Amino acid sequence: MFGTAHKGVNAYAAVDMETGVLAASPHKLIVMLFDGAKLAIDRAYLHIQNHEIAAKGRAISHAMAIINDGLRASLNKQVGGEIALNLDALYEYMSNRLIEANLKNDLAILTEISGLIIELRDAWMMIEKTAPAVPMAAPTNNRQIDPLTPRAPSFARA
């Protein structure tokens, strides 16, 4: 009558994840990407052990999408300099190794990439702890802003 409990839990988890993403700082979003990639690799590891080839492929593809479309795409190579270029190369290496792990069902490669993700996540967390908090700039005019007032899109404002 009401559906399965599994569907309800999945719906709750989806709403919880969306709320977390919307409320997260840019720094926290990167941490969430590392966590998601690690989780996908862990799933792929279990799927290889259980001989679940299709599920393994989906999990590795998910990890690669997070690495390429999330972490790698967030790099600003013009501003980030050598660090951004090195991270880009590392993310490319990780993706290539995941392809190899997928083809060979290689648990050692998944362990290697999981370790790299943990190291990067831990380093990213240290940056957050040591970086000074940057306060948001206060509005420069005294005009009250009503968030419900329709406004022109940002690209149309002068």
N, C-alpha and C. Protein backbone atom coordinates (compact mmCIF):
# COMPACT_ATOMS: atom_id res chain seq x y z
N MET A 1 0.82 -1.19 0.00
CA MET A 1 0.00 0.00 0.00
C MET A 1 0.87 1.25 0.00
N PHE A 2 1.90 1.32 0.84
CA PHE A 2 2.74 2.50 0.94
C PHE A 2 4.09 2.34 0.25
N GLY A 3 4.34 1.23 -0.43
CA GLY A 3 5.64 0.99 -1.04
C GLY A 3 6.55 0.31 -0.04
N THR A 4 7.72 0.03 -0.48
CA THR A 4 8.65 -0.67 0.40
C THR A 4 9.40 0.31 1.30
N ALA A 5 9.86 -0.20 2.40
CA ALA A 5 10.67 0.62 3.31
C ALA A 5 11.96 1.03 2.63
N HIS A 6 12.48 0.17 1.74
CA HIS A 6 13.71 0.47 1.02
C HIS A 6 13.55 1.74 0.18
N LYS A 7 12.42 1.89 -0.51
CA LYS A 7 12.18 3.09 -1.31
C LYS A 7 12.11 4.32 -0.43
N GLY A 8 11.49 4.19 0.73
CA GLY A 8 11.40 5.33 1.65
C GLY A 8 12.76 5.75 2.15
N VAL A 9 13.58 4.78 2.49
CA VAL A 9 14.94 5.08 2.95
C VAL A 9 15.73 5.75 1.84
N ASN A 10 15.61 5.23 0.62
CA ASN A 10 16.32 5.84 -0.52
C ASN A 10 15.86 7.27 -0.76
N ALA A 11 14.57 7.51 -0.66
CA ALA A 11 14.05 8.87 -0.85
C ALA A 11 14.57 9.80 0.23
N TYR A 12 14.58 9.33 1.45
CA TYR A 12 15.11 10.14 2.56
C TYR A 12 16.58 10.44 2.34
N ALA A 13 17.35 9.43 1.93
CA ALA A 13 18.78 9.62 1.70
C ALA A 13 19.02 10.62 0.58
N ALA A 14 18.20 10.57 -0.46
CA ALA A 14 18.36 11.51 -1.57
C ALA A 14 18.08 12.94 -1.12
N VAL A 15 17.05 13.13 -0.32
CA VAL A 15 16.73 14.47 0.19
C VAL A 15 17.83 14.93 1.13
N ASP A 16 18.31 14.04 1.99
CA ASP A 16 19.38 14.38 2.92
C ASP A 16 20.64 14.79 2.17
N MET A 17 20.99 14.05 1.12
CA MET A 17 22.18 14.36 0.32
C MET A 17 22.01 15.70 -0.38
N GLU A 18 20.84 15.93 -0.97
CA GLU A 18 20.60 17.20 -1.66
C GLU A 18 20.68 18.37 -0.70
N THR A 19 20.12 18.22 0.48
CA THR A 19 20.18 19.27 1.49
C THR A 19 21.62 19.53 1.90
N GLY A 20 22.39 18.46 2.08
CA GLY A 20 23.80 18.61 2.44
C GLY A 20 24.59 19.33 1.37
N VAL A 21 24.33 19.03 0.11
CA VAL A 21 25.03 19.68 -1.00
C VAL A 21 24.66 21.15 -1.06
N LEU A 22 23.39 21.46 -0.93
CA LEU A 22 22.95 22.85 -1.03
C LEU A 22 23.49 23.70 0.11
N ALA A 23 23.69 23.11 1.28
CA ALA A 23 24.15 23.85 2.44
C ALA A 23 25.68 23.86 2.57
N ALA A 24 26.37 23.08 1.75
CA ALA A 24 27.82 22.92 1.92
C ALA A 24 28.61 24.08 1.32
N SER A 25 29.73 24.35 1.97
CA SER A 25 30.67 25.32 1.44
C SER A 25 31.40 24.68 0.26
N PRO A 26 32.05 25.49 -0.59
CA PRO A 26 32.83 24.89 -1.68
C PRO A 26 33.87 23.89 -1.17
N HIS A 27 34.47 24.18 -0.04
CA HIS A 27 35.46 23.27 0.54
C HIS A 27 34.81 21.95 0.92
N LYS A 28 33.66 22.01 1.54
CA LYS A 28 32.95 20.80 1.95
C LYS A 28 32.50 19.99 0.73
N LEU A 29 32.15 20.67 -0.36
CA LEU A 29 31.73 19.95 -1.56
C LEU A 29 32.87 19.08 -2.11
N ILE A 30 34.09 19.59 -2.05
CA ILE A 30 35.24 18.80 -2.50
C ILE A 30 35.41 17.58 -1.60
N VAL A 31 35.25 17.77 -0.30
CA VAL A 31 35.34 16.64 0.64
C VAL A 31 34.26 15.60 0.30
N MET A 32 33.06 16.07 -0.02
CA MET A 32 31.98 15.16 -0.37
C MET A 32 32.31 14.39 -1.65
N LEU A 33 32.99 15.03 -2.60
CA LEU A 33 33.40 14.33 -3.81
C LEU A 33 34.42 13.24 -3.49
N PHE A 34 35.39 13.55 -2.64
CA PHE A 34 36.35 12.52 -2.23
C PHE A 34 35.63 11.37 -1.55
N ASP A 35 34.70 11.68 -0.66
CA ASP A 35 33.94 10.63 0.04
C ASP A 35 33.15 9.77 -0.94
N GLY A 36 32.53 10.42 -1.91
CA GLY A 36 31.75 9.68 -2.91
C GLY A 36 32.62 8.77 -3.76
N ALA A 37 33.79 9.26 -4.17
CA ALA A 37 34.70 8.45 -4.97
C ALA A 37 35.19 7.24 -4.16
N LYS A 38 35.53 7.47 -2.91
CA LYS A 38 35.99 6.39 -2.03
C LYS A 38 34.89 5.34 -1.85
N LEU A 39 33.68 5.78 -1.64
CA LEU A 39 32.56 4.86 -1.47
C LEU A 39 32.34 4.03 -2.74
N ALA A 40 32.41 4.67 -3.90
CA ALA A 40 32.23 3.95 -5.16
C ALA A 40 33.32 2.92 -5.36
N ILE A 41 34.55 3.26 -5.02
CA ILE A 41 35.66 2.30 -5.14
C ILE A 41 35.47 1.14 -4.17
N ASP A 42 35.04 1.45 -2.96
CA ASP A 42 34.77 0.38 -1.99
C ASP A 42 33.69 -0.57 -2.49
N ARG A 43 32.67 -0.01 -3.12
CA ARG A 43 31.61 -0.86 -3.70
C ARG A 43 32.17 -1.74 -4.81
N ALA A 44 32.99 -1.14 -5.68
CA ALA A 44 33.58 -1.91 -6.78
C ALA A 44 34.41 -3.07 -6.23
N TYR A 45 35.14 -2.82 -5.16
CA TYR A 45 35.96 -3.85 -4.52
C TYR A 45 35.08 -5.03 -4.09
N LEU A 46 33.98 -4.71 -3.43
CA LEU A 46 33.06 -5.77 -2.98
C LEU A 46 32.42 -6.50 -4.16
N HIS A 47 32.09 -5.76 -5.20
CA HIS A 47 31.47 -6.39 -6.37
C HIS A 47 32.45 -7.35 -7.07
N ILE A 48 33.74 -6.98 -7.10
CA ILE A 48 34.72 -7.90 -7.69
C ILE A 48 34.79 -9.17 -6.83
N GLN A 49 34.85 -9.00 -5.52
CA GLN A 49 34.91 -10.16 -4.63
C GLN A 49 33.70 -11.08 -4.80
N ASN A 50 32.54 -10.48 -5.08
CA ASN A 50 31.31 -11.25 -5.21
C ASN A 50 31.02 -11.65 -6.66
N HIS A 51 31.96 -11.39 -7.57
CA HIS A 51 31.83 -11.73 -8.99
C HIS A 51 30.60 -11.07 -9.62
N GLU A 52 30.30 -9.86 -9.19
CA GLU A 52 29.18 -9.09 -9.74
C GLU A 52 29.76 -8.08 -10.74
N ILE A 53 29.96 -8.55 -11.95
CA ILE A 53 30.72 -7.80 -12.95
C ILE A 53 30.00 -6.52 -13.38
N ALA A 54 28.71 -6.59 -13.64
CA ALA A 54 27.98 -5.41 -14.08
C ALA A 54 27.97 -4.34 -12.99
N ALA A 55 27.73 -4.75 -11.76
CA ALA A 55 27.71 -3.80 -10.64
C ALA A 55 29.09 -3.20 -10.42
N LYS A 56 30.13 -4.02 -10.59
CA LYS A 56 31.51 -3.53 -10.47
C LYS A 56 31.77 -2.45 -11.50
N GLY A 57 31.34 -2.68 -12.73
CA GLY A 57 31.53 -1.69 -13.80
C GLY A 57 30.82 -0.38 -13.51
N ARG A 58 29.60 -0.48 -12.98
CA ARG A 58 28.85 0.74 -12.63
C ARG A 58 29.54 1.50 -11.51
N ALA A 59 30.04 0.79 -10.51
CA ALA A 59 30.70 1.44 -9.38
C ALA A 59 31.99 2.14 -9.83
N ILE A 60 32.77 1.47 -10.68
CA ILE A 60 34.00 2.09 -11.17
C ILE A 60 33.68 3.28 -12.06
N SER A 61 32.67 3.16 -12.89
CA SER A 61 32.25 4.29 -13.73
C SER A 61 31.82 5.48 -12.87
N HIS A 62 31.14 5.19 -11.78
CA HIS A 62 30.70 6.24 -10.87
C HIS A 62 31.91 6.94 -10.24
N ALA A 63 32.88 6.16 -9.79
CA ALA A 63 34.10 6.73 -9.22
C ALA A 63 34.82 7.60 -10.24
N MET A 64 34.91 7.13 -11.47
CA MET A 64 35.58 7.89 -12.52
C MET A 64 34.83 9.19 -12.83
N ALA A 65 33.51 9.13 -12.82
CA ALA A 65 32.73 10.35 -13.06
C ALA A 65 32.97 11.38 -11.96
N ILE A 66 33.04 10.92 -10.73
CA ILE A 66 33.31 11.84 -9.63
C ILE A 66 34.70 12.46 -9.78
N ILE A 67 35.67 11.63 -10.12
CA ILE A 67 37.04 12.13 -10.27
C ILE A 67 37.13 13.11 -11.44
N ASN A 68 36.59 12.73 -12.60
CA ASN A 68 36.73 13.56 -13.80
C ASN A 68 35.77 14.74 -13.85
N ASP A 69 34.49 14.48 -13.57
CA ASP A 69 33.48 15.52 -13.72
C ASP A 69 33.31 16.37 -12.47
N GLY A 70 33.86 15.90 -11.35
CA GLY A 70 33.76 16.66 -10.11
C GLY A 70 35.09 17.25 -9.72
N LEU A 71 36.01 16.39 -9.30
CA LEU A 71 37.30 16.86 -8.79
C LEU A 71 38.15 17.50 -9.88
N ARG A 72 38.30 16.82 -10.99
CA ARG A 72 39.15 17.35 -12.06
C ARG A 72 38.54 18.59 -12.70
N ALA A 73 37.23 18.58 -12.88
CA ALA A 73 36.57 19.73 -13.50
C ALA A 73 36.60 20.96 -12.60
N SER A 74 36.77 20.78 -11.29
CA SER A 74 36.78 21.91 -10.38
C SER A 74 38.13 22.61 -10.32
N LEU A 75 39.14 22.03 -10.94
CA LEU A 75 40.47 22.65 -10.93
C LEU A 75 40.48 23.90 -11.80
N ASN A 76 41.12 24.94 -11.29
CA ASN A 76 41.34 26.16 -12.07
C ASN A 76 42.83 26.22 -12.37
N LYS A 77 43.21 25.77 -13.55
CA LYS A 77 44.62 25.64 -13.89
C LYS A 77 45.30 27.00 -14.09
N GLN A 78 44.51 28.03 -14.42
CA GLN A 78 45.11 29.35 -14.61
C GLN A 78 45.49 29.96 -13.26
N VAL A 79 44.67 29.76 -12.25
CA VAL A 79 44.92 30.34 -10.92
C VAL A 79 45.71 29.37 -10.04
N GLY A 80 45.44 28.09 -10.17
CA GLY A 80 46.04 27.09 -9.29
C GLY A 80 47.49 26.78 -9.56
N GLY A 81 48.00 27.19 -10.71
CA GLY A 81 49.40 26.99 -11.03
C GLY A 81 49.83 25.53 -11.02
N GLU A 82 51.02 25.30 -10.50
CA GLU A 82 51.63 23.97 -10.53
C GLU A 82 50.82 22.95 -9.73
N ILE A 83 50.23 23.39 -8.62
CA ILE A 83 49.44 22.45 -7.81
C ILE A 83 48.24 21.93 -8.61
N ALA A 84 47.54 22.83 -9.29
CA ALA A 84 46.39 22.41 -10.08
C ALA A 84 46.82 21.49 -11.23
N LEU A 85 47.94 21.79 -11.85
CA LEU A 85 48.43 20.94 -12.94
C LEU A 85 48.82 19.56 -12.42
N ASN A 86 49.44 19.51 -11.25
CA ASN A 86 49.81 18.22 -10.66
C ASN A 86 48.58 17.41 -10.26
N LEU A 87 47.58 18.08 -9.69
CA LEU A 87 46.34 17.39 -9.35
C LEU A 87 45.64 16.87 -10.60
N ASP A 88 45.64 17.66 -11.66
CA ASP A 88 45.03 17.24 -12.91
C ASP A 88 45.69 15.96 -13.42
N ALA A 89 47.02 15.93 -13.37
CA ALA A 89 47.75 14.73 -13.81
C ALA A 89 47.45 13.54 -12.89
N LEU A 90 47.35 13.79 -11.60
CA LEU A 90 47.04 12.72 -10.66
C LEU A 90 45.63 12.18 -10.90
N TYR A 91 44.65 13.06 -11.12
CA TYR A 91 43.29 12.61 -11.40
C TYR A 91 43.23 11.81 -12.70
N GLU A 92 44.00 12.23 -13.70
CA GLU A 92 44.05 11.47 -14.95
C GLU A 92 44.65 10.08 -14.70
N TYR A 93 45.73 10.03 -13.93
CA TYR A 93 46.34 8.75 -13.57
C TYR A 93 45.33 7.85 -12.85
N MET A 94 44.60 8.42 -11.91
CA MET A 94 43.63 7.64 -11.15
C MET A 94 42.55 7.07 -12.08
N SER A 95 42.08 7.87 -13.00
CA SER A 95 41.06 7.40 -13.95
C SER A 95 41.59 6.28 -14.82
N ASN A 96 42.81 6.45 -15.31
CA ASN A 96 43.41 5.40 -16.14
C ASN A 96 43.60 4.11 -15.35
N ARG A 97 44.00 4.21 -14.11
CA ARG A 97 44.17 3.02 -13.27
C ARG A 97 42.82 2.35 -12.99
N LEU A 98 41.77 3.17 -12.84
CA LEU A 98 40.44 2.58 -12.61
C LEU A 98 39.96 1.83 -13.86
N ILE A 99 40.30 2.33 -15.03
CA ILE A 99 39.96 1.60 -16.25
C ILE A 99 40.67 0.25 -16.24
N GLU A 100 41.94 0.27 -15.87
CA GLU A 100 42.71 -0.98 -15.81
C GLU A 100 42.12 -1.94 -14.76
N ALA A 101 41.75 -1.40 -13.60
CA ALA A 101 41.15 -2.23 -12.55
C ALA A 101 39.86 -2.87 -13.05
N ASN A 102 39.09 -2.11 -13.81
CA ASN A 102 37.83 -2.61 -14.35
C ASN A 102 38.09 -3.75 -15.34
N LEU A 103 39.06 -3.57 -16.21
CA LEU A 103 39.36 -4.59 -17.22
C LEU A 103 39.92 -5.87 -16.61
N LYS A 104 40.75 -5.71 -15.58
CA LYS A 104 41.45 -6.85 -15.00
C LYS A 104 40.84 -7.36 -13.70
N ASN A 105 39.77 -6.71 -13.22
CA ASN A 105 39.19 -7.06 -11.92
C ASN A 105 40.28 -7.06 -10.85
N ASP A 106 41.09 -6.02 -10.85
CA ASP A 106 42.28 -5.95 -10.02
C ASP A 106 42.01 -5.21 -8.71
N LEU A 107 41.95 -5.97 -7.62
CA LEU A 107 41.69 -5.40 -6.30
C LEU A 107 42.85 -4.53 -5.82
N ALA A 108 44.07 -4.87 -6.20
CA ALA A 108 45.24 -4.09 -5.77
C ALA A 108 45.18 -2.66 -6.33
N ILE A 109 44.73 -2.53 -7.56
CA ILE A 109 44.62 -1.19 -8.15
C ILE A 109 43.55 -0.39 -7.42
N LEU A 110 42.43 -1.02 -7.09
CA LEU A 110 41.39 -0.31 -6.35
C LEU A 110 41.91 0.13 -4.98
N THR A 111 42.70 -0.71 -4.34
CA THR A 111 43.30 -0.37 -3.05
C THR A 111 44.23 0.82 -3.20
N GLU A 112 45.02 0.83 -4.27
CA GLU A 112 45.95 1.94 -4.54
C GLU A 112 45.19 3.25 -4.71
N ILE A 113 44.17 3.25 -5.53
CA ILE A 113 43.42 4.48 -5.81
C ILE A 113 42.65 4.92 -4.58
N SER A 114 42.11 3.98 -3.83
CA SER A 114 41.43 4.32 -2.58
C SER A 114 42.39 5.02 -1.63
N GLY A 115 43.61 4.52 -1.54
CA GLY A 115 44.62 5.13 -0.69
C GLY A 115 44.95 6.55 -1.13
N LEU A 116 45.05 6.76 -2.44
CA LEU A 116 45.32 8.11 -2.94
C LEU A 116 44.18 9.07 -2.60
N ILE A 117 42.96 8.59 -2.73
CA ILE A 117 41.81 9.43 -2.41
C ILE A 117 41.81 9.79 -0.93
N ILE A 118 42.12 8.82 -0.08
CA ILE A 118 42.17 9.10 1.36
C ILE A 118 43.24 10.14 1.66
N GLU A 119 44.42 10.00 1.05
CA GLU A 119 45.49 10.98 1.27
C GLU A 119 45.08 12.38 0.82
N LEU A 120 44.47 12.47 -0.35
CA LEU A 120 44.03 13.77 -0.86
C LEU A 120 42.95 14.37 0.04
N ARG A 121 42.00 13.54 0.46
CA ARG A 121 40.93 14.02 1.34
C ARG A 121 41.51 14.53 2.66
N ASP A 122 42.43 13.77 3.24
CA ASP A 122 43.04 14.18 4.50
C ASP A 122 43.80 15.50 4.34
N ALA A 123 44.53 15.64 3.24
CA ALA A 123 45.26 16.89 2.98
C ALA A 123 44.28 18.04 2.81
N TRP A 124 43.18 17.78 2.12
CA TRP A 124 42.16 18.83 1.91
C TRP A 124 41.54 19.24 3.25
N MET A 125 41.33 18.27 4.12
CA MET A 125 40.77 18.57 5.44
C MET A 125 41.75 19.41 6.26
N MET A 126 43.05 19.14 6.13
CA MET A 126 44.06 19.94 6.85
C MET A 126 44.07 21.38 6.35
N ILE A 127 43.86 21.56 5.07
CA ILE A 127 43.81 22.92 4.52
C ILE A 127 42.65 23.68 5.15
N GLU A 128 41.51 23.02 5.28
CA GLU A 128 40.34 23.68 5.86
C GLU A 128 40.61 24.09 7.31
N LYS A 129 41.31 23.23 8.05
CA LYS A 129 41.58 23.50 9.46
C LYS A 129 42.59 24.63 9.65
N THR A 130 43.53 24.77 8.70
CA THR A 130 44.58 25.77 8.86
C THR A 130 44.31 27.07 8.12
N ALA A 131 43.40 27.05 7.16
CA ALA A 131 43.11 28.27 6.39
C ALA A 131 42.29 29.23 7.24
N PRO A 132 42.64 30.52 7.21
CA PRO A 132 41.83 31.48 7.96
C PRO A 132 40.45 31.62 7.33
N ALA A 133 39.48 31.80 8.16
CA ALA A 133 38.12 31.98 7.67
C ALA A 133 38.02 33.34 7.00
N VAL A 134 37.42 33.37 5.83
CA VAL A 134 37.24 34.61 5.10
C VAL A 134 35.81 35.07 5.32
N PRO A 135 35.64 36.20 6.01
CA PRO A 135 34.28 36.66 6.25
C PRO A 135 33.64 37.14 4.96
N MET A 136 32.32 36.98 4.89
CA MET A 136 31.60 37.46 3.73
C MET A 136 31.53 38.98 3.78
N ALA A 137 31.66 39.60 2.64
CA ALA A 137 31.61 41.06 2.57
C ALA A 137 30.19 41.53 2.83
N ALA A 138 30.09 42.59 3.60
CA ALA A 138 28.78 43.18 3.89
C ALA A 138 28.31 43.96 2.67
N PRO A 139 27.01 44.10 2.48
CA PRO A 139 26.50 44.89 1.37
C PRO A 139 27.04 46.32 1.46
N THR A 140 27.35 46.89 0.29
CA THR A 140 27.95 48.22 0.26
C THR A 140 26.91 49.33 0.30
N ASN A 141 25.66 49.00 0.05
CA ASN A 141 24.64 50.04 0.15
C ASN A 141 23.66 49.69 1.27
N ASN A 142 22.86 50.65 1.67
CA ASN A 142 21.93 50.44 2.79
C ASN A 142 20.57 49.96 2.32
N ARG A 143 20.40 49.70 1.04
CA ARG A 143 19.12 49.30 0.50
C ARG A 143 18.79 47.88 0.97
N GLN A 144 17.58 47.69 1.44
CA GLN A 144 17.13 46.36 1.86
C GLN A 144 16.86 45.51 0.62
N ILE A 145 17.27 44.26 0.65
CA ILE A 145 17.06 43.37 -0.48
C ILE A 145 16.00 42.36 -0.09
N ASP A 146 14.95 42.33 -0.87
CA ASP A 146 13.88 41.36 -0.66
C ASP A 146 14.15 40.16 -1.56
N PRO A 147 14.42 38.99 -0.99
CA PRO A 147 14.77 37.84 -1.82
C PRO A 147 13.62 37.35 -2.69
N LEU A 148 12.40 37.80 -2.42
CA LEU A 148 11.26 37.36 -3.21
C LEU A 148 10.97 38.28 -4.38
N THR A 149 11.65 39.41 -4.44
CA THR A 149 11.45 40.35 -5.53
C THR A 149 12.09 39.81 -6.80
N PRO A 150 11.33 39.74 -7.89
CA PRO A 150 11.93 39.24 -9.15
C PRO A 150 13.05 40.19 -9.61
N ARG A 151 14.12 39.59 -10.10
CA ARG A 151 15.24 40.37 -10.62
C ARG A 151 15.67 39.81 -11.95
N ALA A 152 16.35 40.64 -12.71
CA ALA A 152 16.89 40.20 -14.00
C ALA A 152 17.99 39.17 -13.74
N PRO A 153 18.19 38.25 -14.66
CA PRO A 153 19.29 37.27 -14.48
C PRO A 153 20.63 37.99 -14.36
N SER A 154 21.58 37.38 -13.69
CA SER A 154 22.86 38.02 -13.42
C SER A 154 23.59 38.43 -14.68
N PHE A 155 23.41 37.69 -15.79
CA PHE A 155 24.11 38.06 -17.01
C PHE A 155 23.50 39.31 -17.64
N ALA A 156 22.28 39.69 -17.23
CA ALA A 156 21.61 40.86 -17.82
C ALA A 156 21.83 42.11 -16.97
N ARG A 157 22.37 41.97 -15.78
CA ARG A 157 22.61 43.13 -14.92
C ARG A 157 23.88 43.84 -15.34
N ALA A 158 23.86 45.15 -15.19
CA ALA A 158 25.04 45.94 -15.54
C ALA A 158 25.79 46.32 -14.30
